[in-house]
PDB file of N, CA and C in Angstrom:
ATOM      1  N   MET A   1       0.826  -1.180   0.000  1.00  0.00           N
ATOM      2  CA  MET A   1       0.000   0.000   0.000  1.00  0.00           C
ATOM      3  C   MET A   1       0.874   1.248   0.000  1.00  0.00           C
ATOM      4  N   LYS A   2       0.384   2.264  -0.675  1.00  0.00           N
ATOM      5  CA  LYS A   2       1.093   3.538  -0.721  1.00  0.00           C
ATOM      6  C   LYS A   2       0.896   4.295   0.587  1.00  0.00           C
ATOM      7  N   LYS A   3       1.791   5.237   0.825  1.00  0.00           N
ATOM      8  CA  LYS A   3       1.726   6.036   2.052  1.00  0.00           C
ATOM      9  C   LYS A   3       0.405   6.789   2.159  1.00  0.00           C
ATOM     10  N   SER A   4      -0.062   7.339   1.033  1.00  0.00           N
ATOM     11  CA  SER A   4      -1.318   8.100   1.061  1.00  0.00           C
ATOM     12  C   SER A   4      -2.503   7.192   1.385  1.00  0.00           C
ATOM     13  N   GLN A   5      -2.441   5.948   0.935  1.00  0.00           N
ATOM     14  CA  GLN A   5      -3.524   5.016   1.252  1.00  0.00           C
ATOM     15  C   GLN A   5      -3.530   4.676   2.736  1.00  0.00           C
ATOM     16  N   TRP A   6      -2.341   4.509   3.324  1.00  0.00           N
ATOM     17  CA  TRP A   6      -2.257   4.256   4.756  1.00  0.00           C
ATOM     18  C   TRP A   6      -2.786   5.441   5.556  1.00  0.00           C
ATOM     19  N   LEU A   7      -2.430   6.642   5.135  1.00  0.00           N
ATOM     20  CA  LEU A   7      -2.916   7.837   5.835  1.00  0.00           C
ATOM     21  C   LEU A   7      -4.431   7.950   5.748  1.00  0.00           C
ATOM     22  N   THR A   8      -4.989   7.625   4.582  1.00  0.00           N
ATOM     23  CA  THR A   8      -6.434   7.663   4.411  1.00  0.00           C
ATOM     24  C   THR A   8      -7.105   6.632   5.312  1.00  0.00           C
ATOM     25  N   LEU A   9      -6.544   5.426   5.349  1.00  0.00           N
ATOM     26  CA  LEU A   9      -7.106   4.358   6.187  1.00  0.00           C
ATOM     27  C   LEU A   9      -7.050   4.744   7.664  1.00  0.00           C
ATOM     28  N   ILE A  10      -5.926   5.269   8.107  1.00  0.00           N
ATOM     29  CA  ILE A  10      -5.792   5.684   9.503  1.00  0.00           C
ATOM     30  C   ILE A  10      -6.760   6.820   9.823  1.00  0.00           C
ATOM     31  N   SER A  11      -6.931   7.753   8.901  1.00  0.00           N
ATOM     32  CA  SER A  11      -7.868   8.866   9.113  1.00  0.00           C
ATOM     33  C   SER A  11      -9.301   8.355   9.252  1.00  0.00           C
ATOM     34  N   ILE A  12      -9.679   7.431   8.396  1.00  0.00           N
ATOM     35  CA  ILE A  12     -11.038   6.867   8.462  1.00  0.00           C
ATOM     36  C   ILE A  12     -11.248   6.152   9.789  1.00  0.00           C
ATOM     37  N   LEU A  13     -10.266   5.362  10.210  1.00  0.00           N
ATOM     38  CA  LEU A  13     -10.384   4.655  11.490  1.00  0.00           C
ATOM     39  C   LEU A  13     -10.476   5.633  12.660  1.00  0.00           C
ATOM     40  N   LEU A  14      -9.712   6.707  12.604  1.00  0.00           N
ATOM     41  CA  LEU A  14      -9.757   7.708  13.666  1.00  0.00           C
ATOM     42  C   LEU A  14     -11.124   8.387  13.724  1.00  0.00           C
ATOM     43  N   VAL A  15     -11.673   8.716  12.565  1.00  0.00           N
ATOM     44  CA  VAL A  15     -13.003   9.344  12.520  1.00  0.00           C
ATOM     45  C   VAL A  15     -14.056   8.384  13.054  1.00  0.00           C
ATOM     46  N   LEU A  16     -13.975   7.107  12.688  1.00  0.00           N
ATOM     47  CA  LEU A  16     -14.926   6.120  13.202  1.00  0.00           C
ATOM     48  C   LEU A  16     -14.794   5.974  14.718  1.00  0.00           C
ATOM     49  N   PHE A  17     -13.579   5.973  15.218  1.00  0.00           N
ATOM     50  CA  PHE A  17     -13.352   5.873  16.655  1.00  0.00           C
ATOM     51  C   PHE A  17     -13.966   7.061  17.390  1.00  0.00           C
ATOM     52  N   ILE A  18     -13.762   8.248  16.872  1.00  0.00           N
ATOM     53  CA  ILE A  18     -14.334   9.458  17.478  1.00  0.00           C
ATOM     54  C   ILE A  18     -15.860   9.415  17.410  1.00  0.00           C
ATOM     55  N   ALA A  19     -16.401   8.932  16.281  1.00  0.00           N
ATOM     56  CA  ALA A  19     -17.858   8.838  16.148  1.00  0.00           C
ATOM     57  C   ALA A  19     -18.440   7.878  17.172  1.00  0.00           C
ATOM     58  N   VAL A  20     -17.806   6.736  17.361  1.00  0.00           N
ATOM     59  CA  VAL A  20     -18.292   5.756  18.350  1.00  0.00           C
ATOM     60  C   VAL A  20     -18.215   6.342  19.750  1.00  0.00           C
ATOM     61  N   LEU A  21     -17.102   6.994  20.069  1.00  0.00           N
ATOM     62  CA  LEU A  21     -16.990   7.629  21.388  1.00  0.00           C
ATOM     63  C   LEU A  21     -18.072   8.681  21.583  1.00  0.00           C
ATOM     64  N   SER A  22     -18.354   9.427  20.549  1.00  0.00           N
ATOM     65  CA  SER A  22     -19.363  10.484  20.638  1.00  0.00           C
ATOM     66  C   SER A  22     -20.747   9.912  20.866  1.00  0.00           C
ATOM     67  N   ILE A  23     -21.065   8.826  20.186  1.00  0.00           N
ATOM     68  CA  ILE A  23     -22.390   8.220  20.326  1.00  0.00           C
ATOM     69  C   ILE A  23     -22.576   7.615  21.716  1.00  0.00           C
ATOM     70  N   VAL A  24     -21.520   7.019  22.247  1.00  0.00           N
ATOM     71  CA  VAL A  24     -21.604   6.371  23.558  1.00  0.00           C
ATOM     72  C   VAL A  24     -21.680   7.397  24.687  1.00  0.00           C
ATOM     73  N   ASN A  25     -21.052   8.541  24.519  1.00  0.00           N
ATOM     74  CA  ASN A  25     -20.953   9.543  25.583  1.00  0.00           C
ATOM     75  C   ASN A  25     -21.865  10.732  25.300  1.00  0.00           C
ATOM     76  N   VAL A  26     -23.119  10.617  25.695  1.00  0.00           N
ATOM     77  CA  VAL A  26     -24.075  11.699  25.445  1.00  0.00           C
ATOM     78  C   VAL A  26     -24.489  12.433  26.718  1.00  0.00           C
ATOM     79  N   GLU A  27     -23.894  12.090  27.854  1.00  0.00           N
ATOM     80  CA  GLU A  27     -24.268  12.753  29.104  1.00  0.00           C
ATOM     81  C   GLU A  27     -23.779  14.197  29.104  1.00  0.00           C
ATOM     82  N   PRO A  28     -24.512  15.083  29.745  1.00  0.00           N
ATOM     83  CA  PRO A  28     -24.049  16.479  29.838  1.00  0.00           C
ATOM     84  C   PRO A  28     -22.873  16.580  30.818  1.00  0.00           C
ATOM     85  N   VAL A  29     -21.920  17.437  30.476  1.00  0.00           N
ATOM     86  CA  VAL A  29     -20.762  17.665  31.342  1.00  0.00           C
ATOM     87  C   VAL A  29     -20.577  19.160  31.533  1.00  0.00           C
ATOM     88  N   LYS A  30     -20.024  19.528  32.686  1.00  0.00           N
ATOM     89  CA  LYS A  30     -19.739  20.932  32.959  1.00  0.00           C
ATOM     90  C   LYS A  30     -18.365  21.268  32.393  1.00  0.00           C
ATOM     91  N   ILE A  31     -18.286  22.415  31.721  1.00  0.00           N
ATOM     92  CA  ILE A  31     -17.030  22.882  31.162  1.00  0.00           C
ATOM     93  C   ILE A  31     -16.769  24.267  31.725  1.00  0.00           C
ATOM     94  N   ASN A  32     -15.579  24.446  32.281  1.00  0.00           N
ATOM     95  CA  ASN A  32     -15.205  25.705  32.903  1.00  0.00           C
ATOM     96  C   ASN A  32     -14.338  26.504  31.938  1.00  0.00           C
ATOM     97  N   PHE A  33     -14.836  27.659  31.492  1.00  0.00           N
ATOM     98  CA  PHE A  33     -14.115  28.571  30.612  1.00  0.00           C
ATOM     99  C   PHE A  33     -13.613  29.777  31.399  1.00  0.00           C
ATOM    100  N   ILE A  34     -12.885  29.595  32.434  1.00  0.00           N
ATOM    101  CA  ILE A  34     -12.306  30.611  33.314  1.00  0.00           C
ATOM    102  C   ILE A  34     -13.344  31.638  33.781  1.00  0.00           C
ATOM    103  N   PHE A  35     -14.052  32.304  32.845  1.00  0.00           N
ATOM    104  CA  PHE A  35     -15.008  33.347  33.218  1.00  0.00           C
ATOM    105  C   PHE A  35     -16.420  32.806  33.414  1.00  0.00           C
ATOM    106  N   THR A  36     -16.697  31.657  32.848  1.00  0.00           N
ATOM    107  CA  THR A  36     -18.049  31.105  32.949  1.00  0.00           C
ATOM    108  C   THR A  36     -17.995  29.585  32.897  1.00  0.00           C
ATOM    109  N   THR A  37     -19.067  28.981  33.331  1.00  0.00           N
ATOM    110  CA  THR A  37     -19.188  27.522  33.276  1.00  0.00           C
ATOM    111  C   THR A  37     -20.433  27.194  32.471  1.00  0.00           C
ATOM    112  N   VAL A  38     -20.286  26.246  31.536  1.00  0.00           N
ATOM    113  CA  VAL A  38     -21.427  25.819  30.727  1.00  0.00           C
ATOM    114  C   VAL A  38     -21.591  24.314  30.852  1.00  0.00           C
ATOM    115  N   GLN A  39     -22.770  23.860  30.508  1.00  0.00           N
ATOM    116  CA  GLN A  39     -23.043  22.429  30.546  1.00  0.00           C
ATOM    117  C   GLN A  39     -23.448  21.994  29.142  1.00  0.00           C
ATOM    118  N   TRP A  40     -22.615  21.158  28.516  1.00  0.00           N
ATOM    119  CA  TRP A  40     -22.845  20.689  27.154  1.00  0.00           C
ATOM    120  C   TRP A  40     -22.830  19.169  27.122  1.00  0.00           C
ATOM    121  N   PRO A  41     -23.482  18.600  26.124  1.00  0.00           N
ATOM    122  CA  PRO A  41     -23.376  17.144  25.957  1.00  0.00           C
ATOM    123  C   PRO A  41     -21.929  16.766  25.615  1.00  0.00           C
ATOM    124  N   LEU A  42     -21.499  15.648  26.154  1.00  0.00           N
ATOM    125  CA  LEU A  42     -20.123  15.208  25.950  1.00  0.00           C
ATOM    126  C   LEU A  42     -19.808  14.994  24.463  1.00  0.00           C
ATOM    127  N   ILE A  43     -20.824  14.641  23.686  1.00  0.00           N
ATOM    128  CA  ILE A  43     -20.624  14.436  22.244  1.00  0.00           C
ATOM    129  C   ILE A  43     -20.092  15.713  21.585  1.00  0.00           C
ATOM    130  N   LEU A  44     -20.628  16.875  21.990  1.00  0.00           N
ATOM    131  CA  LEU A  44     -20.150  18.151  21.425  1.00  0.00           C
ATOM    132  C   LEU A  44     -18.733  18.464  21.873  1.00  0.00           C
ATOM    133  N   VAL A  45     -18.410  18.124  23.101  1.00  0.00           N
ATOM    134  CA  VAL A  45     -17.063  18.371  23.616  1.00  0.00           C
ATOM    135  C   VAL A  45     -16.046  17.516  22.855  1.00  0.00           C
ATOM    136  N   ILE A  46     -16.375  16.250  22.615  1.00  0.00           N
ATOM    137  CA  ILE A  46     -15.457  15.349  21.909  1.00  0.00           C
ATOM    138  C   ILE A  46     -15.260  15.813  20.469  1.00  0.00           C
ATOM    139  N   ILE A  47     -16.344  16.090  19.779  1.00  0.00           N
ATOM    140  CA  ILE A  47     -16.244  16.520  18.376  1.00  0.00           C
ATOM    141  C   ILE A  47     -15.540  17.875  18.279  1.00  0.00           C
ATOM    142  N   GLY A  48     -15.896  18.791  19.171  1.00  0.00           N
ATOM    143  CA  GLY A  48     -15.249  20.105  19.174  1.00  0.00           C
ATOM    144  C   GLY A  48     -13.756  20.002  19.437  1.00  0.00           C
ATOM    145  N   SER A  49     -13.374  19.151  20.379  1.00  0.00           N
ATOM    146  CA  SER A  49     -11.953  18.959  20.677  1.00  0.00           C
ATOM    147  C   SER A  49     -11.224  18.356  19.483  1.00  0.00           C
ATOM    148  N   ALA A  50     -11.840  17.393  18.829  1.00  0.00           N
ATOM    149  CA  ALA A  50     -11.232  16.776  17.645  1.00  0.00           C
ATOM    150  C   ALA A  50     -11.059  17.809  16.526  1.00  0.00           C
ATOM    151  N   LEU A  51     -12.071  18.643  16.316  1.00  0.00           N
ATOM    152  CA  LEU A  51     -11.976  19.674  15.281  1.00  0.00           C
ATOM    153  C   LEU A  51     -10.916  20.721  15.608  1.00  0.00           C
ATOM    154  N   LEU A  52     -10.839  21.123  16.866  1.00  0.00           N
ATOM    155  CA  LEU A  52      -9.805  22.085  17.268  1.00  0.00           C
ATOM    156  C   LEU A  52      -8.406  21.489  17.104  1.00  0.00           C
ATOM    157  N   GLY A  53      -8.271  20.205  17.428  1.00  0.00           N
ATOM    158  CA  GLY A  53      -6.987  19.535  17.239  1.00  0.00           C
ATOM    159  C   GLY A  53      -6.599  19.485  15.769  1.00  0.00           C
ATOM    160  N   ALA A  54      -7.560  19.144  14.914  1.00  0.00           N
ATOM    161  CA  ALA A  54      -7.294  19.097  13.474  1.00  0.00           C
ATOM    162  C   ALA A  54      -6.937  20.476  12.946  1.00  0.00           C
ATOM    163  N   LEU A  55      -7.645  21.489  13.395  1.00  0.00           N
ATOM    164  CA  LEU A  55      -7.360  22.858  12.968  1.00  0.00           C
ATOM    165  C   LEU A  55      -5.958  23.296  13.403  1.00  0.00           C
ATOM    166  N   THR A  56      -5.565  22.911  14.607  1.00  0.00           N
ATOM    167  CA  THR A  56      -4.224  23.233  15.102  1.00  0.00           C
ATOM    168  C   THR A  56      -3.156  22.560  14.250  1.00  0.00           C
ATOM    169  N   VAL A  57      -3.350  21.282  13.946  1.00  0.00           N
ATOM    170  CA  VAL A  57      -2.375  20.550  13.120  1.00  0.00           C
ATOM    171  C   VAL A  57      -2.276  21.172  11.730  1.00  0.00           C
ATOM    172  N   ILE A  58      -3.407  21.507  11.152  1.00  0.00           N
ATOM    173  CA  ILE A  58      -3.416  22.120   9.819  1.00  0.00           C
ATOM    174  C   ILE A  58      -2.707  23.471   9.852  1.00  0.00           C
ATOM    175  N   SER A  59      -2.949  24.268  10.877  1.00  0.00           N
ATOM    176  CA  SER A  59      -2.309  25.585  10.994  1.00  0.00           C
ATOM    177  C   SER A  59      -0.800  25.464  11.138  1.00  0.00           C
ATOM    178  N   VAL A  60      -0.353  24.569  11.992  1.00  0.00           N
ATOM    179  CA  VAL A  60       1.084  24.383  12.195  1.00  0.00           C
ATOM    180  C   VAL A  60       1.735  23.879  10.909  1.00  0.00           C
ATOM    181  N   THR A  61       1.078  22.960  10.231  1.00  0.00           N
ATOM    182  CA  THR A  61       1.608  22.436   8.968  1.00  0.00           C
ATOM    183  C   THR A  61       1.693  23.541   7.926  1.00  0.00           C
ATOM    184  N   TRP A  62       0.678  24.376   7.846  1.00  0.00           N
ATOM    185  CA  TRP A  62       0.666  25.464   6.874  1.00  0.00           C
ATOM    186  C   TRP A  62       1.812  26.443   7.130  1.00  0.00           C
ATOM    187  N   VAL A  63       2.040  26.786   8.400  1.00  0.00           N
ATOM    188  CA  VAL A  63       3.125  27.706   8.743  1.00  0.00           C
ATOM    189  C   VAL A  63       4.467  27.079   8.383  1.00  0.00           C
ATOM    190  N   ARG A  64       4.654  25.802   8.684  1.00  0.00           N
ATOM    191  CA  ARG A  64       5.911  25.130   8.370  1.00  0.00           C
ATOM    192  C   ARG A  64       6.139  25.075   6.857  1.00  0.00           C
ATOM    193  N   MET A  65       5.093  24.784   6.104  1.00  0.00           N
ATOM    194  CA  MET A  65       5.223  24.742   4.644  1.00  0.00           C
ATOM    195  C   MET A  65       5.589  26.120   4.097  1.00  0.00           C
ATOM    196  N   PHE A  66       4.980  27.172   4.628  1.00  0.00           N
ATOM    197  CA  PHE A  66       5.289  28.530   4.194  1.00  0.00           C
ATOM    198  C   PHE A  66       6.761  28.852   4.444  1.00  0.00           C
ATOM    199  N   LYS A  67       7.264  28.488   5.629  1.00  0.00           N
ATOM    200  CA  LYS A  67       8.661  28.753   5.957  1.00  0.00           C
ATOM    201  C   LYS A  67       9.596  27.954   5.049  1.00  0.00           C
ATOM    202  N   GLU A  68       9.253  26.704   4.774  1.00  0.00           N
ATOM    203  CA  GLU A  68      10.090  25.877   3.905  1.00  0.00           C
ATOM    204  C   GLU A  68      10.112  26.423   2.475  1.00  0.00           C
ATOM    205  N   LYS A  69       8.963  26.847   1.964  1.00  0.00           N
ATOM    206  CA  LYS A  69       8.922  27.428   0.622  1.00  0.00           C
ATOM    207  C   LYS A  69       9.761  28.698   0.563  1.00  0.00           C
ATOM    208  N   SER A  70       9.696  29.478   1.607  1.00  0.00           N
ATOM    209  CA  SER A  70      10.470  30.707   1.670  1.00  0.00           C
ATOM    210  C   SER A  70      11.973  30.386   1.657  1.00  0.00           C
ATOM    211  N   ALA A  71      12.382  29.398   2.423  1.00  0.00           N
ATOM    212  CA  ALA A  71      13.786  28.997   2.463  1.00  0.00           C
ATOM    213  C   ALA A  71      14.242  28.452   1.111  1.00  0.00           C
ATOM    214  N   ILE A  72      13.389  27.679   0.456  1.00  0.00           N
ATOM    215  CA  ILE A  72      13.719  27.135  -0.866  1.00  0.00           C
ATOM    216  C   ILE A  72      13.924  28.268  -1.863  1.00  0.00           C
ATOM    217  N   LYS A  73      13.042  29.264  -1.842  1.00  0.00           N
ATOM    218  CA  LYS A  73      13.186  30.403  -2.750  1.00  0.00           C
ATOM    219  C   LYS A  73      14.487  31.158  -2.482  1.00  0.00           C
ATOM    220  N   GLN A  74      14.831  31.336  -1.219  1.00  0.00           N
ATOM    221  CA  GLN A  74      16.081  32.009  -0.873  1.00  0.00           C
ATOM    222  C   GLN A  74      17.281  31.218  -1.389  1.00  0.00           C
ATOM    223  N   ASN A  75      17.253  29.902  -1.198  1.00  0.00           N
ATOM    224  CA  ASN A  75      18.361  29.063  -1.650  1.00  0.00           C
ATOM    225  C   ASN A  75      18.474  29.059  -3.167  1.00  0.00           C
ATOM    226  N   GLU A  76      17.337  29.025  -3.863  1.00  0.00           N
ATOM    227  CA  GLU A  76      17.371  29.067  -5.325  1.00  0.00           C
ATOM    228  C   GLU A  76      17.951  30.396  -5.821  1.00  0.00           C
ATOM    229  N   LYS A  77      17.579  31.479  -5.164  1.00  0.00           N
ATOM    230  CA  LYS A  77      18.106  32.788  -5.532  1.00  0.00           C
ATOM    231  C   LYS A  77      19.610  32.834  -5.309  1.00  0.00           C
ATOM    232  N   PHE A  78      20.067  32.289  -4.190  1.00  0.00           N
ATOM    233  CA  PHE A  78      21.488  32.261  -3.887  1.00  0.00           C
ATOM    234  C   PHE A  78      22.247  31.430  -4.924  1.00  0.00           C
ATOM    235  N   LEU A  79      21.702  30.260  -5.276  1.00  0.00           N
ATOM    236  CA  LEU A  79      22.353  29.410  -6.279  1.00  0.00           C
ATOM    237  C   LEU A  79      22.419  30.104  -7.641  1.00  0.00           C
ATOM    238  N   LYS A  80      21.363  30.786  -7.993  1.00  0.00           N
ATOM    239  CA  LYS A  80      21.351  31.523  -9.265  1.00  0.00           C
ATOM    240  C   LYS A  80      22.429  32.598  -9.272  1.00  0.00           C
ATOM    241  N   GLU A  81      22.557  33.330  -8.171  1.00  0.00           N
ATOM    242  CA  GLU A  81      23.585  34.359  -8.052  1.00  0.00           C
ATOM    243  C   GLU A  81      24.981  33.748  -8.129  1.00  0.00           C
ATOM    244  N   GLN A  82      25.168  32.582  -7.515  1.00  0.00           N
ATOM    245  CA  GLN A  82      26.462  31.912  -7.546  1.00  0.00           C
ATOM    246  C   GLN A  82      26.817  31.455  -8.958  1.00  0.00           C
ATOM    247  N   LYS A  83      25.824  30.941  -9.690  1.00  0.00           N
ATOM    248  CA  LYS A  83      26.073  30.522 -11.069  1.00  0.00           C
ATOM    249  C   LYS A  83      26.470  31.712 -11.934  1.00  0.00           C
ATOM    250  N   ILE A  84      25.794  32.839 -11.737  1.00  0.00           N
ATOM    251  CA  ILE A  84      26.113  34.052 -12.496  1.00  0.00           C
ATOM    252  C   ILE A  84      27.524  34.527 -12.139  1.00  0.00           C
ATOM    253  N   ALA A  85      27.876  34.498 -10.854  1.00  0.00           N
ATOM    254  CA  ALA A  85      29.201  34.927 -10.408  1.00  0.00           C
ATOM    255  C   ALA A  85      30.281  34.003 -10.971  1.00  0.00           C
ATOM    256  N   ASN A  86      30.009  32.705 -10.991  1.00  0.00           N
ATOM    257  CA  ASN A  86      30.984  31.743 -11.529  1.00  0.00           C
ATOM    258  C   ASN A  86      31.154  31.923 -13.039  1.00  0.00           C
ATOM    259  N   ALA A  87      30.051  32.167 -13.725  1.00  0.00           N
ATOM    260  CA  ALA A  87      30.107  32.362 -15.182  1.00  0.00           C
ATOM    261  C   ALA A  87      30.875  33.636 -15.529  1.00  0.00           C
ATOM    262  N   SER A  88      30.698  34.679 -14.761  1.00  0.00           N
ATOM    263  CA  SER A  88      31.382  35.946 -15.063  1.00  0.00           C
ATOM    264  C   SER A  88      32.866  35.868 -14.684  1.00  0.00           C
ATOM    265  N   SER A  89      33.219  35.072 -13.677  1.00  0.00           N
ATOM    266  CA  SER A  89      34.629  34.955 -13.289  1.00  0.00           C
ATOM    267  C   SER A  89      35.407  34.091 -14.277  1.00  0.00           C
ATOM    268  N   ARG A  90      34.741  33.207 -14.984  1.00  0.00           N
ATOM    269  CA  ARG A  90      35.394  32.350 -15.983  1.00  0.00           C
ATOM    270  C   ARG A  90      35.670  33.118 -17.265  1.00  0.00           C
ATOM    271  N   SER A  91      34.917  34.154 -17.530  1.00  0.00           N
ATOM    272  CA  SER A  91      35.079  34.882 -18.784  1.00  0.00           C
ATOM    273  C   SER A  91      36.224  35.837 -18.773  1.00  0.00           C
TER     274      SER A  91
END
């Protein structure tokens, strides 16, 4: 199996696991948000936590990709300048 197929399979299993946990845990729970306390069904807390975790991973990945692309562009520019400098010194 390819790496992307394994990632897809693991993602599906994780979503199914979260869905089963959500269905089993429907009791209301108290959540303390420093300034206030609310009571929500545990299913919303589990799904909300999973979504926030996914959003965090996506954000961190996006920032890392942006930094890597920026570094690649800098390195390509440097290599281009070096090639030009080498070509002019040979002439």
